[in-house]
Structures are given as structure tokens and as C-alpha cells.
């Protein structure tokens, strides 16, 4: 059964209100945000992952920041 049919049939385990909240959150995260968010979206895929990977290995960065990823 396609996902949209599962959602419409109520078989996902989520209420329609919860699903609605998820959709609003996804919409806001995809289309909202500051100027910096718009710049981040233009980054090629994988750029953020490689930066975070480098940061985790960088001993000059606070251990709290390195372990927060």
C-alpha cells in the first residue's frame, strides 16, 4: 500500500493532528529560515557531512561541540 494511502487510512499509528503537525514542520523547515539557511540549501550535498566529520576529528574544537553531532 502506498504511503499516502496508509496515512489516509489511519494505519500509521499517528493521529491526523500529529500528521498535520509533521507536515507543517516539514514545510517550515523546507521553505522557512534565515538568509544563512538559504545559503546552506545551495551547498552541494555532502558538504555539511564532510565539514562535521572534519570538526569531530579537530582537537582544537571544544569536545562538547565535537560530540554534539
PDB file of N, CA and C in Angstrom:
ATOM      1  N   UNK A   1       0.856  -1.179   0.000  1.00  0.00           N
ATOM      2  CA  UNK A   1       0.000   0.000   0.000  1.00  0.00           C
ATOM      3  C   UNK A   1       0.900   1.239   0.000  1.00  0.00           C
ATOM      4  N   UNK A   2       0.676   2.178  -0.918  1.00  0.00           N
ATOM      5  CA  UNK A   2       1.475   3.409  -0.938  1.00  0.00           C
ATOM      6  C   UNK A   2       1.322   4.188   0.379  1.00  0.00           C
ATOM      7  N   UNK A   3       2.361   4.953   0.719  1.00  0.00           N
ATOM      8  CA  UNK A   3       2.376   5.673   1.986  1.00  0.00           C
ATOM      9  C   UNK A   3       1.173   6.595   2.149  1.00  0.00           C
ATOM     10  N   UNK A   4       0.824   7.322   1.097  1.00  0.00           N
ATOM     11  CA  UNK A   4      -0.298   8.252   1.226  1.00  0.00           C
ATOM     12  C   UNK A   4      -1.598   7.518   1.562  1.00  0.00           C
ATOM     13  N   UNK A   5      -1.760   6.292   1.058  1.00  0.00           N
ATOM     14  CA  UNK A   5      -2.960   5.518   1.393  1.00  0.00           C
ATOM     15  C   UNK A   5      -2.916   5.058   2.845  1.00  0.00           C
ATOM     16  N   UNK A   6      -1.723   4.704   3.329  1.00  0.00           N
ATOM     17  CA  UNK A   6      -1.587   4.343   4.742  1.00  0.00           C
ATOM     18  C   UNK A   6      -1.975   5.516   5.625  1.00  0.00           C
ATOM     19  N   UNK A   7      -1.498   6.704   5.251  1.00  0.00           N
ATOM     20  CA  UNK A   7      -1.805   7.898   6.036  1.00  0.00           C
ATOM     21  C   UNK A   7      -3.302   8.159   6.036  1.00  0.00           C
ATOM     22  N   UNK A   8      -3.908   8.105   4.865  1.00  0.00           N
ATOM     23  CA  UNK A   8      -5.344   8.386   4.765  1.00  0.00           C
ATOM     24  C   UNK A   8      -6.190   7.327   5.453  1.00  0.00           C
ATOM     25  N   UNK A   9      -5.697   6.096   5.520  1.00  0.00           N
ATOM     26  CA  UNK A   9      -6.475   5.035   6.162  1.00  0.00           C
ATOM     27  C   UNK A   9      -6.306   5.032   7.677  1.00  0.00           C
ATOM     28  N   UNK A  10      -5.334   5.794   8.191  1.00  0.00           N
ATOM     29  CA  UNK A  10      -5.105   5.858   9.626  1.00  0.00           C
ATOM     30  C   UNK A  10      -4.289   4.695  10.165  1.00  0.00           C
ATOM     31  N   UNK A  11      -3.608   3.932   9.295  1.00  0.00           N
ATOM     32  CA  UNK A  11      -2.862   2.749   9.725  1.00  0.00           C
ATOM     33  C   UNK A  11      -1.416   3.055  10.128  1.00  0.00           C
ATOM     34  N   UNK A  12      -1.035   4.317  10.199  1.00  0.00           N
ATOM     35  CA  UNK A  12       0.345   4.667  10.519  1.00  0.00           C
ATOM     36  C   UNK A  12       0.620   4.691  12.018  1.00  0.00           C
ATOM     37  N   UNK A  13      -0.420   4.731  12.828  1.00  0.00           N
ATOM     38  CA  UNK A  13      -0.236   4.846  14.269  1.00  0.00           C
ATOM     39  C   UNK A  13      -0.229   6.288  14.743  1.00  0.00           C
ATOM     40  N   UNK A  14      -0.289   7.226  13.813  1.00  0.00           N
ATOM     41  CA  UNK A  14      -0.334   8.644  14.146  1.00  0.00           C
ATOM     42  C   UNK A  14      -1.744   9.167  13.914  1.00  0.00           C
ATOM     43  N   UNK A  15      -2.143  10.123  14.733  1.00  0.00           N
ATOM     44  CA  UNK A  15      -3.440  10.758  14.520  1.00  0.00           C
ATOM     45  C   UNK A  15      -3.320  11.747  13.366  1.00  0.00           C
ATOM     46  N   UNK A  16      -4.445  12.156  12.816  1.00  0.00           N
ATOM     47  CA  UNK A  16      -4.422  13.135  11.726  1.00  0.00           C
ATOM     48  C   UNK A  16      -3.829  14.460  12.208  1.00  0.00           C
ATOM     49  N   UNK A  17      -4.062  14.792  13.478  1.00  0.00           N
ATOM     50  CA  UNK A  17      -3.497  16.023  14.039  1.00  0.00           C
ATOM     51  C   UNK A  17      -1.970  15.939  14.077  1.00  0.00           C
ATOM     52  N   UNK A  18      -1.424  14.783  14.503  1.00  0.00           N
ATOM     53  CA  UNK A  18       0.028  14.604  14.532  1.00  0.00           C
ATOM     54  C   UNK A  18       0.630  14.678  13.126  1.00  0.00           C
ATOM     55  N   UNK A  19      -0.030  14.043  12.178  1.00  0.00           N
ATOM     56  CA  UNK A  19       0.442  14.073  10.792  1.00  0.00           C
ATOM     57  C   UNK A  19       0.417  15.499  10.265  1.00  0.00           C
ATOM     58  N   UNK A  20      -0.634  16.223  10.591  1.00  0.00           N
ATOM     59  CA  UNK A  20      -0.737  17.614  10.166  1.00  0.00           C
ATOM     60  C   UNK A  20       0.400  18.440  10.748  1.00  0.00           C
ATOM     61  N   UNK A  21       0.723  18.222  12.021  1.00  0.00           N
ATOM     62  CA  UNK A  21       1.826  18.942  12.656  1.00  0.00           C
ATOM     63  C   UNK A  21       3.165  18.599  11.991  1.00  0.00           C
ATOM     64  N   UNK A  22       3.356  17.309  11.639  1.00  0.00           N
ATOM     65  CA  UNK A  22       4.571  16.904  10.938  1.00  0.00           C
ATOM     66  C   UNK A  22       4.695  17.637   9.606  1.00  0.00           C
ATOM     67  N   UNK A  23       3.606  17.683   8.867  1.00  0.00           N
ATOM     68  CA  UNK A  23       3.628  18.324   7.558  1.00  0.00           C
ATOM     69  C   UNK A  23       3.926  19.816   7.660  1.00  0.00           C
ATOM     70  N   UNK A  24       3.337  20.470   8.654  1.00  0.00           N
ATOM     71  CA  UNK A  24       3.605  21.897   8.863  1.00  0.00           C
ATOM     72  C   UNK A  24       5.078  22.095   9.208  1.00  0.00           C
ATOM     73  N   UNK A  25       5.614  21.245  10.087  1.00  0.00           N
ATOM     74  CA  UNK A  25       7.023  21.349  10.472  1.00  0.00           C
ATOM     75  C   UNK A  25       7.939  21.136   9.267  1.00  0.00           C
ATOM     76  N   UNK A  26       7.649  20.119   8.466  1.00  0.00           N
ATOM     77  CA  UNK A  26       8.453  19.852   7.269  1.00  0.00           C
ATOM     78  C   UNK A  26       8.398  21.047   6.319  1.00  0.00           C
ATOM     79  N   UNK A  27       7.205  21.576   6.114  1.00  0.00           N
ATOM     80  CA  UNK A  27       7.053  22.728   5.225  1.00  0.00           C
ATOM     81  C   UNK A  27       7.884  23.907   5.720  1.00  0.00           C
ATOM     82  N   UNK A  28       7.779  24.209   7.008  1.00  0.00           N
ATOM     83  CA  UNK A  28       8.516  25.338   7.565  1.00  0.00           C
ATOM     84  C   UNK A  28      10.020  25.119   7.452  1.00  0.00           C
ATOM     85  N   UNK A  29      10.469  23.897   7.700  1.00  0.00           N
ATOM     86  CA  UNK A  29      11.900  23.609   7.620  1.00  0.00           C
ATOM     87  C   UNK A  29      12.405  23.684   6.181  1.00  0.00           C
ATOM     88  N   UNK A  30      11.567  23.322   5.223  1.00  0.00           N
ATOM     89  CA  UNK A  30      11.988  23.333   3.827  1.00  0.00           C
ATOM     90  C   UNK A  30      11.939  24.721   3.208  1.00  0.00           C
ATOM     91  N   UNK A  31      10.983  25.538   3.613  1.00  0.00           N
ATOM     92  CA  UNK A  31      10.782  26.822   2.952  1.00  0.00           C
ATOM     93  C   UNK A  31      11.056  28.035   3.825  1.00  0.00           C
ATOM     94  N   UNK A  32      11.211  27.819   5.122  1.00  0.00           N
ATOM     95  CA  UNK A  32      11.457  28.943   6.014  1.00  0.00           C
ATOM     96  C   UNK A  32      12.931  29.125   6.266  1.00  0.00           C
ATOM     97  N   UNK A  33      13.228  29.971   7.194  1.00  0.00           N
ATOM     98  CA  UNK A  33      14.606  30.132   7.603  1.00  0.00           C
ATOM     99  C   UNK A  33      15.191  31.475   7.213  1.00  0.00           C
ATOM    100  N   UNK A  34      16.368  31.689   7.739  1.00  0.00           N
ATOM    101  CA  UNK A  34      17.070  32.949   7.535  1.00  0.00           C
ATOM    102  C   UNK A  34      17.846  32.939   6.224  1.00  0.00           C
ATOM    103  N   UNK A  35      18.555  34.032   5.997  1.00  0.00           N
ATOM    104  CA  UNK A  35      19.406  34.133   4.811  1.00  0.00           C
ATOM    105  C   UNK A  35      20.474  33.037   4.838  1.00  0.00           C
ATOM    106  N   UNK A  36      21.013  32.740   6.031  1.00  0.00           N
ATOM    107  CA  UNK A  36      22.031  31.700   6.151  1.00  0.00           C
ATOM    108  C   UNK A  36      21.465  30.333   5.764  1.00  0.00           C
ATOM    109  N   UNK A  37      20.226  30.071   6.107  1.00  0.00           N
ATOM    110  CA  UNK A  37      19.583  28.808   5.731  1.00  0.00           C
ATOM    111  C   UNK A  37      19.503  28.707   4.213  1.00  0.00           C
ATOM    112  N   UNK A  38      19.153  29.804   3.557  1.00  0.00           N
ATOM    113  CA  UNK A  38      19.081  29.802   2.088  1.00  0.00           C
ATOM    114  C   UNK A  38      20.454  29.500   1.486  1.00  0.00           C
ATOM    115  N   UNK A  39      21.506  30.058   2.071  1.00  0.00           N
ATOM    116  CA  UNK A  39      22.865  29.787   1.591  1.00  0.00           C
ATOM    117  C   UNK A  39      23.199  28.313   1.799  1.00  0.00           C
ATOM    118  N   UNK A  40      22.854  27.780   2.975  1.00  0.00           N
ATOM    119  CA  UNK A  40      23.124  26.367   3.275  1.00  0.00           C
ATOM    120  C   UNK A  40      22.431  25.442   2.278  1.00  0.00           C
ATOM    121  N   UNK A  41      21.216  25.793   1.875  1.00  0.00           N
ATOM    122  CA  UNK A  41      20.486  24.941   0.935  1.00  0.00           C
ATOM    123  C   UNK A  41      21.172  24.878  -0.424  1.00  0.00           C
ATOM    124  N   UNK A  42      21.919  25.919  -0.769  1.00  0.00           N
ATOM    125  CA  UNK A  42      22.600  25.958  -2.059  1.00  0.00           C
ATOM    126  C   UNK A  42      23.899  25.143  -2.055  1.00  0.00           C
ATOM    127  N   UNK A  43      24.346  24.732  -0.866  1.00  0.00           N
ATOM    128  CA  UNK A  43      25.569  23.931  -0.760  1.00  0.00           C
ATOM    129  C   UNK A  43      25.352  22.587  -1.445  1.00  0.00           C
ATOM    130  N   UNK A  44      26.373  22.069  -2.107  1.00  0.00           N
ATOM    131  CA  UNK A  44      26.238  20.745  -2.722  1.00  0.00           C
ATOM    132  C   UNK A  44      26.007  19.678  -1.648  1.00  0.00           C
ATOM    133  N   UNK A  45      25.251  18.626  -1.967  1.00  0.00           N
ATOM    134  CA  UNK A  45      25.031  17.556  -0.998  1.00  0.00           C
ATOM    135  C   UNK A  45      26.360  16.982  -0.531  1.00  0.00           C
ATOM    136  N   UNK A  46      26.449  16.690   0.742  1.00  0.00           N
ATOM    137  CA  UNK A  46      27.660  16.107   1.293  1.00  0.00           C
ATOM    138  C   UNK A  46      28.601  17.121   1.911  1.00  0.00           C
ATOM    139  N   UNK A  47      28.426  18.399   1.591  1.00  0.00           N
ATOM    140  CA  UNK A  47      29.314  19.431   2.128  1.00  0.00           C
ATOM    141  C   UNK A  47      29.222  19.498   3.648  1.00  0.00           C
ATOM    142  N   UNK A  48      27.999  19.490   4.156  1.00  0.00           N
ATOM    143  CA  UNK A  48      27.827  19.578   5.602  1.00  0.00           C
ATOM    144  C   UNK A  48      28.392  18.346   6.311  1.00  0.00           C
ATOM    145  N   UNK A  49      28.183  17.182   5.727  1.00  0.00           N
ATOM    146  CA  UNK A  49      28.677  15.957   6.346  1.00  0.00           C
ATOM    147  C   UNK A  49      30.195  15.958   6.428  1.00  0.00           C
ATOM    148  N   UNK A  50      30.849  16.403   5.364  1.00  0.00           N
ATOM    149  CA  UNK A  50      32.317  16.417   5.380  1.00  0.00           C
ATOM    150  C   UNK A  50      32.839  17.449   6.383  1.00  0.00           C
ATOM    151  N   UNK A  51      32.159  18.583   6.494  1.00  0.00           N
ATOM    152  CA  UNK A  51      32.563  19.594   7.471  1.00  0.00           C
ATOM    153  C   UNK A  51      32.406  19.063   8.886  1.00  0.00           C
ATOM    154  N   UNK A  52      31.280  18.424   9.168  1.00  0.00           N
ATOM    155  CA  UNK A  52      31.053  17.877  10.504  1.00  0.00           C
ATOM    156  C   UNK A  52      32.055  16.772  10.823  1.00  0.00           C
ATOM    157  N   UNK A  53      32.380  15.967   9.840  1.00  0.00           N
ATOM    158  CA  UNK A  53      33.354  14.905  10.032  1.00  0.00           C
ATOM    159  C   UNK A  53      34.717  15.490  10.388  1.00  0.00           C
ATOM    160  N   UNK A  54      35.122  16.538   9.666  1.00  0.00           N
ATOM    161  CA  UNK A  54      36.395  17.210   9.967  1.00  0.00           C
ATOM    162  C   UNK A  54      36.386  17.799  11.360  1.00  0.00           C
ATOM    163  N   UNK A  55      35.258  18.408  11.749  1.00  0.00           N
ATOM    164  CA  UNK A  55      35.160  19.025  13.075  1.00  0.00           C
ATOM    165  C   UNK A  55      35.271  17.991  14.188  1.00  0.00           C
ATOM    166  N   UNK A  56      34.702  16.802  13.979  1.00  0.00           N
ATOM    167  CA  UNK A  56      34.762  15.773  15.002  1.00  0.00           C
ATOM    168  C   UNK A  56      36.192  15.319  15.258  1.00  0.00           C
ATOM    169  N   UNK A  57      37.045  15.419  14.255  1.00  0.00           N
ATOM    170  CA  UNK A  57      38.433  14.977  14.389  1.00  0.00           C
ATOM    171  C   UNK A  57      39.370  16.106  14.812  1.00  0.00           C
ATOM    172  N   UNK A  58      38.879  17.354  14.816  1.00  0.00           N
ATOM    173  CA  UNK A  58      39.718  18.515  15.111  1.00  0.00           C
ATOM    174  C   UNK A  58      39.860  18.689  16.620  1.00  0.00           C
ATOM    175  N   UNK A  59      41.061  18.502  17.122  1.00  0.00           N
ATOM    176  CA  UNK A  59      41.291  18.584  18.570  1.00  0.00           C
ATOM    177  C   UNK A  59      41.307  20.010  19.087  1.00  0.00           C
ATOM    178  N   UNK A  60      41.329  21.022  18.195  1.00  0.00           N
ATOM    179  CA  UNK A  60      41.307  22.413  18.642  1.00  0.00           C
ATOM    180  C   UNK A  60      39.892  22.879  18.954  1.00  0.00           C
ATOM    181  N   UNK A  61      38.900  22.064  18.602  1.00  0.00           N
ATOM    182  CA  UNK A  61      37.499  22.400  18.862  1.00  0.00           C
ATOM    183  C   UNK A  61      37.073  21.768  20.181  1.00  0.00           C
ATOM    184  N   UNK A  62      36.269  22.484  20.929  1.00  0.00           N
ATOM    185  CA  UNK A  62      35.786  22.003  22.218  1.00  0.00           C
ATOM    186  C   UNK A  62      35.189  20.595  22.093  1.00  0.00           C
ATOM    187  N   UNK A  63      35.512  19.701  23.037  1.00  0.00           N
ATOM    188  CA  UNK A  63      34.949  18.334  22.996  1.00  0.00           C
ATOM    189  C   UNK A  63      33.414  18.339  23.002  1.00  0.00           C
ATOM    190  N   UNK A  64      32.808  19.337  23.657  1.00  0.00           N
ATOM    191  CA  UNK A  64      31.337  19.432  23.682  1.00  0.00           C
ATOM    192  C   UNK A  64      30.787  19.611  22.266  1.00  0.00           C
ATOM    193  N   UNK A  65      31.438  20.453  21.483  1.00  0.00           N
ATOM    194  CA  UNK A  65      30.986  20.674  20.110  1.00  0.00           C
ATOM    195  C   UNK A  65      31.266  19.472  19.232  1.00  0.00           C
ATOM    196  N   UNK A  66      32.389  18.814  19.445  1.00  0.00           N
ATOM    197  CA  UNK A  66      32.739  17.653  18.625  1.00  0.00           C
ATOM    198  C   UNK A  66      31.784  16.492  18.849  1.00  0.00           C
ATOM    199  N   UNK A  67      31.252  16.362  20.057  1.00  0.00           N
ATOM    200  CA  UNK A  67      30.383  15.214  20.343  1.00  0.00           C
ATOM    201  C   UNK A  67      28.913  15.517  20.143  1.00  0.00           C
ATOM    202  N   UNK A  68      28.570  16.743  19.736  1.00  0.00           N
ATOM    203  CA  UNK A  68      27.159  17.102  19.595  1.00  0.00           C
ATOM    204  C   UNK A  68      26.560  16.699  18.264  1.00  0.00           C
ATOM    205  N   UNK A  69      27.333  16.098  17.369  1.00  0.00           N
ATOM    206  CA  UNK A  69      26.838  15.757  16.032  1.00  0.00           C
ATOM    207  C   UNK A  69      26.194  14.488  15.973  1.00  0.00           C
TER     208      UNK A  69
END
